[in-house]
Amino acid sequence: MSVIICDYVHPLLRNKMPSFFQSTIPKEFLANCHECNICKPVEASFVEQVRILGNSKCCNYQPKLPNFMVGYLLETKNTLFRARVFSNPHAQLSINPLGVCSNSSSIVQEKLNTLNDERLNRCTFYDNGRCGIWNGVNGICASWICYSIAGFAGRKFWLHLGQLLERIELELASLCLEGLGIDTHVKTWSDSLPETVINDWQAEYPDREQFYRSCSTIIKQVPKAHIEFLFKTKYNQAYNQLQQLYLKAFRTTLCATLTFNKTLEIVNDSGFYEIILEPTTGYGFKVNRFFLEALKQFDGRPITTVRQELKRKYGASIPDDQLLLMQNNEVLI
């Protein structure tokens, strides 16, 4: 099944994005934040993604929700969001003109830092195993595909997309403030804004919910050409890089020749072998001994020759999708 990149963009922005965001991509099924598949048991396979133990999830990231997204969540009557932001005096949140974000320096900002403790630094909007604001979540969370079906190249694409969307979202949040005649002198997300700015804002807009709804209205009226202009000028370099990552990540054909990447770290783990692609996070695969030995037979010869040899010697074959996964993860190069 295929979707388009825009499916991972906030609903308020989907019809305003450049044409590239209409590009088709395979639907990600290995992992997503709303319904975490890496927390579930999987059927036996040649390749097993390195998984999280128990029912833990990596929702330790406190999202930065721009003002217009806050307004959208209020408009869609997301009762969980309203309760946890506006009715919870103990919430460690900063509610300010730019939007809603964490105000605690103790919050872990990297999702993968505390996978082994499902209670530590849980996201404010985590709700019984799922994301409670998925209908209006920001770009970082919407594009957090920690195990992509496109492999390591896919993971790089999604990380870059999230970072680019976050920059665009902040730009639009600032645009909302300009439209409402507010000058915070702050152009980046911060845990705290000057007290004078907060006091002036609260005095001018005592109804905070209505303020955020006004921001949502402003973004609805922003022309598509304005957002396209941002991508092609201020964020042109990052935008071009995203398109290059897309071409590399979602290729669907195998190279004519492949070679096993001997630079990768491989760890023996109770009869399986863990291929580490990203040492800092432990991102990688667990494979059985036969599959690892089969991969090592790829030595730069045409893949048809190697596959014929595997079939003749061992009576086994490696499906195209498994080889493509290894190619896109740079296990085979």
Protein backbone atom coordinates (compact mmCIF):
# COMPACT_ATOMS: atom_id res chain seq x y z
CA MET A 1 0.00 0.00 0.00
CA SER A 2 1.24 3.48 -0.87
CA VAL A 3 0.58 6.90 0.63
CA ILE A 4 1.96 10.36 -0.05
CA ILE A 5 4.41 12.40 2.01
CA CYS A 6 1.70 14.95 2.77
CA ASP A 7 -0.11 12.33 4.84
CA TYR A 8 2.57 12.96 7.47
CA VAL A 9 2.06 16.74 7.42
CA HIS A 10 -0.29 18.60 9.77
CA PRO A 11 -3.87 18.85 8.40
CA LEU A 12 -3.73 22.67 8.34
CA LEU A 13 -0.72 22.57 6.01
CA ARG A 14 -1.40 19.61 3.72
CA ASN A 15 -2.99 21.56 0.87
CA LYS A 16 -0.33 24.28 1.07
CA MET A 17 2.83 22.21 0.61
CA PRO A 18 5.03 22.16 -2.53
CA SER A 19 4.25 19.53 -5.17
CA PHE A 20 7.10 17.29 -3.96
CA PHE A 21 4.97 16.42 -0.92
CA GLN A 22 2.53 14.67 -3.25
CA SER A 23 5.26 12.09 -3.99
CA THR A 24 4.26 8.50 -3.34
CA ILE A 25 5.94 6.47 -0.60
CA PRO A 26 5.28 2.96 0.72
CA LYS A 27 3.08 2.96 3.82
CA GLU A 28 5.29 2.50 6.86
CA PHE A 29 4.23 -0.53 8.89
CA LEU A 30 7.31 -1.43 10.94
CA ALA A 31 6.78 1.40 13.43
CA ASN A 32 4.91 4.60 14.04
CA CYS A 33 4.18 6.59 17.18
CA HIS A 34 0.41 6.26 17.15
CA GLU A 35 0.39 2.46 17.04
CA CYS A 36 3.81 1.14 17.95
CA ASN A 37 4.44 -2.09 16.06
CA ILE A 38 7.92 -2.62 17.48
CA CYS A 39 6.27 -3.27 20.86
CA LYS A 40 4.30 -6.19 19.42
CA PRO A 41 5.42 -9.78 18.77
CA VAL A 42 6.26 -10.59 15.17
CA GLU A 43 6.12 -13.72 13.06
CA ALA A 44 9.34 -15.60 12.40
CA SER A 45 11.33 -14.09 9.55
CA PHE A 46 14.79 -13.98 8.07
CA VAL A 47 15.15 -10.54 9.59
CA GLU A 48 13.90 -9.33 12.94
CA GLN A 49 13.99 -5.68 13.86
CA VAL A 50 15.72 -5.00 17.18
CA ARG A 51 12.71 -4.54 19.43
CA ILE A 52 11.62 -2.84 22.64
CA LEU A 53 10.95 -5.15 25.57
CA GLY A 54 7.51 -5.41 27.15
CA ASN A 55 4.90 -2.78 26.42
CA SER A 56 7.26 0.16 26.68
CA LYS A 57 7.06 2.93 24.11
CA CYS A 58 9.49 5.69 23.25
CA CYS A 59 7.01 8.53 23.89
CA ASN A 60 9.51 10.41 26.03
CA TYR A 61 9.64 13.36 23.68
CA GLN A 62 7.63 16.40 24.77
CA PRO A 63 6.31 17.90 21.52
CA LYS A 64 6.58 21.58 20.72
CA LEU A 65 3.11 22.49 19.49
CA PRO A 66 2.99 25.80 17.59
CA ASN A 67 0.14 28.17 18.40
CA PHE A 68 -1.86 27.34 15.28
CA MET A 69 -1.67 23.60 16.04
CA VAL A 70 -2.93 24.28 19.56
CA GLY A 71 -5.85 26.14 17.99
CA TYR A 72 -6.53 23.23 15.66
CA LEU A 73 -6.64 20.73 18.52
CA LEU A 74 -9.07 22.98 20.37
CA GLU A 75 -11.25 23.35 17.26
CA THR A 76 -11.39 19.59 16.79
CA LYS A 77 -12.60 19.26 20.39
CA ASN A 78 -9.72 17.06 21.52
CA THR A 79 -10.81 16.68 25.14
CA LEU A 80 -7.62 14.95 26.24
CA PHE A 81 -5.51 17.84 24.96
CA ARG A 82 -7.65 20.48 26.67
CA ALA A 83 -7.66 18.57 29.95
CA ARG A 84 -3.92 18.00 30.06
CA VAL A 85 -2.95 21.52 29.00
CA PHE A 86 -5.58 23.88 30.34
CA SER A 87 -7.09 21.91 33.23
CA ASN A 88 -4.00 20.36 34.76
CA PRO A 89 -2.18 22.71 37.17
CA HIS A 90 0.61 20.14 37.62
CA ALA A 91 1.51 19.84 33.93
CA GLN A 92 5.13 20.77 33.24
CA LEU A 93 4.17 22.87 30.23
CA SER A 94 4.92 26.35 29.04
CA ILE A 95 1.81 27.96 27.57
CA ASN A 96 3.00 31.01 25.66
CA PRO A 97 2.39 33.03 22.49
CA LEU A 98 4.45 30.65 20.32
CA GLY A 99 2.48 27.64 21.50
CA VAL A 100 2.74 24.85 24.06
CA CYS A 101 5.98 23.10 24.97
CA SER A 102 7.78 21.64 27.97
CA ASN A 103 9.02 24.04 30.63
CA SER A 104 11.13 21.45 32.46
CA SER A 105 14.84 21.19 31.84
CA SER A 106 14.68 17.60 33.09
CA ILE A 107 12.59 16.41 30.16
CA VAL A 108 14.52 14.12 27.82
CA GLN A 109 14.30 15.56 24.33
CA GLU A 110 15.57 12.49 22.53
CA LYS A 111 12.99 9.77 22.10
CA LEU A 112 15.44 6.87 22.24
CA ASN A 113 17.31 7.79 25.43
CA THR A 114 15.09 5.95 27.92
CA LEU A 115 13.48 3.03 26.10
CA ASN A 116 14.07 0.71 29.05
CA ASP A 117 11.85 2.70 31.42
CA GLU A 118 8.35 3.25 30.10
CA ARG A 119 7.44 5.54 33.01
CA LEU A 120 10.33 7.95 32.84
CA ASN A 121 9.62 11.27 31.12
CA ARG A 122 6.42 10.03 29.54
CA CYS A 123 4.94 12.44 27.01
CA THR A 124 2.12 14.57 28.43
CA PHE A 125 -0.20 13.34 25.69
CA TYR A 126 0.51 9.63 25.98
CA ASP A 127 -2.84 7.91 26.45
CA ASN A 128 -3.10 4.24 27.33
CA GLY A 129 -0.61 3.00 24.75
CA ARG A 130 -1.40 5.51 22.01
CA CYS A 131 -0.86 9.16 21.13
CA GLY A 132 -3.74 11.25 22.43
CA ILE A 133 -3.25 14.11 19.95
CA TRP A 134 -2.43 12.16 16.80
CA ASN A 135 -5.12 14.01 14.82
CA GLY A 136 -3.10 17.23 15.13
CA VAL A 137 0.43 16.31 16.11
CA ASN A 138 3.51 18.25 15.00
CA GLY A 139 5.93 17.30 12.21
CA ILE A 140 8.59 15.78 14.48
CA CYS A 141 6.14 13.26 15.95
CA ALA A 142 4.18 12.60 12.74
CA SER A 143 7.36 11.74 10.86
CA TRP A 144 9.00 9.75 13.66
CA ILE A 145 9.42 6.44 11.83
CA CYS A 146 12.07 4.83 13.99
CA TYR A 147 12.16 1.61 11.94
CA SER A 148 11.48 2.40 8.29
CA ILE A 149 10.62 -0.22 5.70
CA ALA A 150 13.16 1.65 3.55
CA GLY A 151 15.84 0.81 6.06
CA PHE A 152 18.55 3.11 7.29
CA ALA A 153 18.14 5.37 4.25
CA GLY A 154 14.45 5.67 5.09
CA ARG A 155 15.23 6.57 8.68
CA LYS A 156 17.52 9.39 7.48
CA PHE A 157 14.72 10.69 5.24
CA TRP A 158 12.17 10.77 8.06
CA LEU A 159 14.54 12.44 10.52
CA HIS A 160 15.36 15.15 8.00
CA LEU A 161 11.68 15.64 7.15
CA GLY A 162 10.78 16.11 10.82
CA GLN A 163 13.52 18.68 11.34
CA LEU A 164 12.48 20.63 8.25
CA LEU A 165 8.81 20.59 9.23
CA GLU A 166 9.69 21.84 12.72
CA ARG A 167 11.50 24.84 11.22
CA ILE A 168 8.56 25.64 8.94
CA GLU A 169 6.11 25.28 11.83
CA LEU A 170 8.05 27.75 13.97
CA GLU A 171 8.20 30.15 11.05
CA LEU A 172 4.41 29.99 10.72
CA ALA A 173 3.90 30.37 14.48
CA SER A 174 5.90 33.62 14.28
CA LEU A 175 3.76 34.67 11.31
CA CYS A 176 0.66 34.23 13.48
CA LEU A 177 2.12 36.53 16.12
CA GLU A 178 2.86 39.17 13.51
CA GLY A 179 -0.71 38.89 12.26
CA LEU A 180 -2.01 39.51 15.76
CA GLY A 181 0.36 42.40 16.41
CA ILE A 182 2.52 40.59 18.96
CA ASP A 183 6.29 40.98 19.02
CA THR A 184 7.95 38.50 21.37
CA HIS A 185 11.48 39.10 20.01
CA VAL A 186 11.81 35.30 20.13
CA LYS A 187 12.39 33.38 16.91
CA THR A 188 13.39 30.00 18.34
CA TRP A 189 11.71 27.55 20.70
CA SER A 190 12.70 28.17 24.29
CA ASP A 191 11.75 26.69 27.65
CA SER A 192 10.98 30.19 28.91
CA LEU A 193 10.05 33.56 27.47
CA PRO A 194 10.72 36.93 29.16
CA GLU A 195 8.21 37.50 31.95
CA THR A 196 7.27 40.89 30.54
CA VAL A 197 6.30 39.30 27.23
CA ILE A 198 4.13 36.69 28.95
CA ASN A 199 2.47 39.32 31.15
CA ASP A 200 1.69 41.59 28.18
CA TRP A 201 0.31 38.64 26.21
CA GLN A 202 -1.89 37.46 29.06
CA ALA A 203 -3.20 40.97 29.60
CA GLU A 204 -4.04 41.47 25.93
CA TYR A 205 -5.40 37.96 25.36
CA PRO A 206 -6.97 36.72 28.63
CA ASP A 207 -8.88 34.05 26.71
CA ARG A 208 -5.95 31.84 25.73
CA GLU A 209 -8.08 29.30 23.89
CA GLN A 210 -9.53 32.00 21.66
CA PHE A 211 -6.03 33.33 21.00
CA TYR A 212 -4.88 29.94 19.73
CA ARG A 213 -8.00 29.54 17.60
CA SER A 214 -7.19 32.91 16.02
CA CYS A 215 -3.74 31.55 15.13
CA SER A 216 -5.34 28.55 13.47
CA THR A 217 -7.56 30.89 11.43
CA ILE A 218 -4.52 32.87 10.25
CA ILE A 219 -2.79 29.72 8.94
CA LYS A 220 -5.96 28.63 7.15
CA GLN A 221 -5.82 31.91 5.25
CA VAL A 222 -2.10 31.80 4.43
CA PRO A 223 -1.74 31.25 0.67
CA LYS A 224 0.04 28.18 -0.60
CA ALA A 225 2.47 30.41 -2.48
CA HIS A 226 3.79 31.82 0.80
CA ILE A 227 4.76 28.40 2.19
CA GLU A 228 6.19 27.28 -1.15
CA PHE A 229 8.31 30.45 -1.14
CA LEU A 230 9.75 29.52 2.27
CA PHE A 231 10.79 26.09 1.01
CA LYS A 232 12.40 27.47 -2.13
CA THR A 233 14.27 30.36 -0.49
CA LYS A 234 14.98 30.34 3.24
CA TYR A 235 14.94 26.54 3.51
CA ASN A 236 16.01 25.69 -0.03
CA GLN A 237 19.15 23.76 0.94
CA ALA A 238 17.33 21.55 3.45
CA TYR A 239 14.48 21.08 0.98
CA ASN A 240 16.84 19.93 -1.80
CA GLN A 241 18.54 17.54 0.60
CA LEU A 242 15.16 16.07 1.54
CA GLN A 243 14.42 15.33 -2.11
CA GLN A 244 17.79 13.61 -2.53
CA LEU A 245 17.18 11.48 0.56
CA TYR A 246 13.78 10.53 -0.85
CA LEU A 247 15.33 9.26 -4.10
CA LYS A 248 17.82 7.13 -2.17
CA ALA A 249 15.42 5.80 0.46
CA PHE A 250 12.47 4.69 -1.62
CA ARG A 251 14.14 3.07 -4.60
CA THR A 252 12.38 -0.17 -5.45
CA THR A 253 14.93 -1.91 -7.67
CA LEU A 254 17.99 -3.91 -6.73
CA CYS A 255 21.45 -2.94 -7.92
CA ALA A 256 22.99 -5.33 -10.42
CA THR A 257 25.93 -6.04 -8.10
CA LEU A 258 26.09 -5.95 -4.31
CA THR A 259 28.86 -6.41 -1.75
CA PHE A 260 28.51 -7.28 1.93
CA ASN A 261 29.50 -4.27 4.05
CA LYS A 262 32.39 -5.56 6.16
CA THR A 263 32.64 -2.35 8.21
CA LEU A 264 29.44 -3.04 10.17
CA GLU A 265 29.52 -4.13 13.79
CA ILE A 266 28.07 -7.63 14.31
CA VAL A 267 27.32 -9.01 17.77
CA ASN A 268 26.46 -12.63 18.61
CA ASP A 269 23.27 -12.57 20.66
CA SER A 270 22.06 -15.96 21.90
CA GLY A 271 22.20 -17.71 18.54
CA PHE A 272 21.22 -14.65 16.52
CA TYR A 273 23.52 -12.03 15.12
CA GLU A 274 22.81 -8.37 15.70
CA ILE A 275 23.90 -6.12 12.82
CA ILE A 276 24.42 -2.64 14.28
CA LEU A 277 23.82 0.17 11.80
CA GLU A 278 23.83 3.08 14.25
CA PRO A 279 25.97 2.42 17.35
CA THR A 280 24.71 5.47 19.26
CA THR A 281 21.11 4.23 19.32
CA GLY A 282 21.53 0.49 18.76
CA TYR A 283 19.50 0.72 15.56
CA GLY A 284 19.89 -2.45 13.53
CA PHE A 285 18.70 -5.97 12.80
CA LYS A 286 18.82 -9.42 14.31
CA VAL A 287 19.40 -12.16 11.75
CA ASN A 288 19.94 -15.88 12.03
CA ARG A 289 23.28 -17.48 11.23
CA PHE A 290 22.19 -18.82 7.83
CA PHE A 291 20.97 -15.43 6.64
CA LEU A 292 24.18 -13.73 7.77
CA GLU A 293 26.33 -16.29 5.96
CA ALA A 294 24.19 -15.90 2.84
CA LEU A 295 24.71 -12.13 2.91
CA LYS A 296 28.46 -12.61 3.13
CA GLN A 297 28.40 -14.44 -0.22
CA PHE A 298 27.63 -11.15 -1.97
CA ASP A 299 31.12 -10.04 -2.97
CA GLY A 300 30.64 -7.72 -5.90
CA ARG A 301 29.58 -10.36 -8.37
CA PRO A 302 26.21 -9.95 -10.15
CA ILE A 303 23.44 -10.71 -7.68
CA THR A 304 21.93 -13.23 -10.13
CA THR A 305 25.17 -15.24 -9.96
CA VAL A 306 25.24 -15.22 -6.15
CA ARG A 307 21.58 -16.18 -5.89
CA GLN A 308 22.09 -19.10 -8.27
CA GLU A 309 25.04 -20.23 -6.17
CA LEU A 310 22.99 -20.09 -2.95
CA LYS A 311 20.23 -22.07 -4.62
CA ARG A 312 22.64 -24.71 -5.90
CA LYS A 313 24.64 -25.14 -2.68
CA TYR A 314 21.96 -24.71 -0.04
CA GLY A 315 18.66 -25.02 -1.87
CA ALA A 316 17.67 -21.62 -0.51
CA SER A 317 16.75 -18.28 -1.97
CA ILE A 318 16.51 -14.77 -0.54
CA PRO A 319 13.35 -12.88 -1.56
CA ASP A 320 13.73 -9.60 -3.40
CA ASP A 321 12.17 -7.60 -0.57
CA GLN A 322 14.76 -8.93 1.91
CA LEU A 323 17.64 -8.09 -0.41
CA LEU A 324 16.18 -4.64 -1.03
CA LEU A 325 15.93 -4.10 2.72
CA MET A 326 19.61 -5.03 3.12
CA GLN A 327 20.55 -2.77 0.20
CA ASN A 328 18.65 0.22 1.56
CA ASN A 329 20.19 -0.34 5.01
CA GLU A 330 23.66 -0.44 3.45
CA VAL A 331 24.28 -3.93 4.78
CA LEU A 332 24.79 -4.73 1.10
CA ILE A 333 26.49 -1.92 -0.81
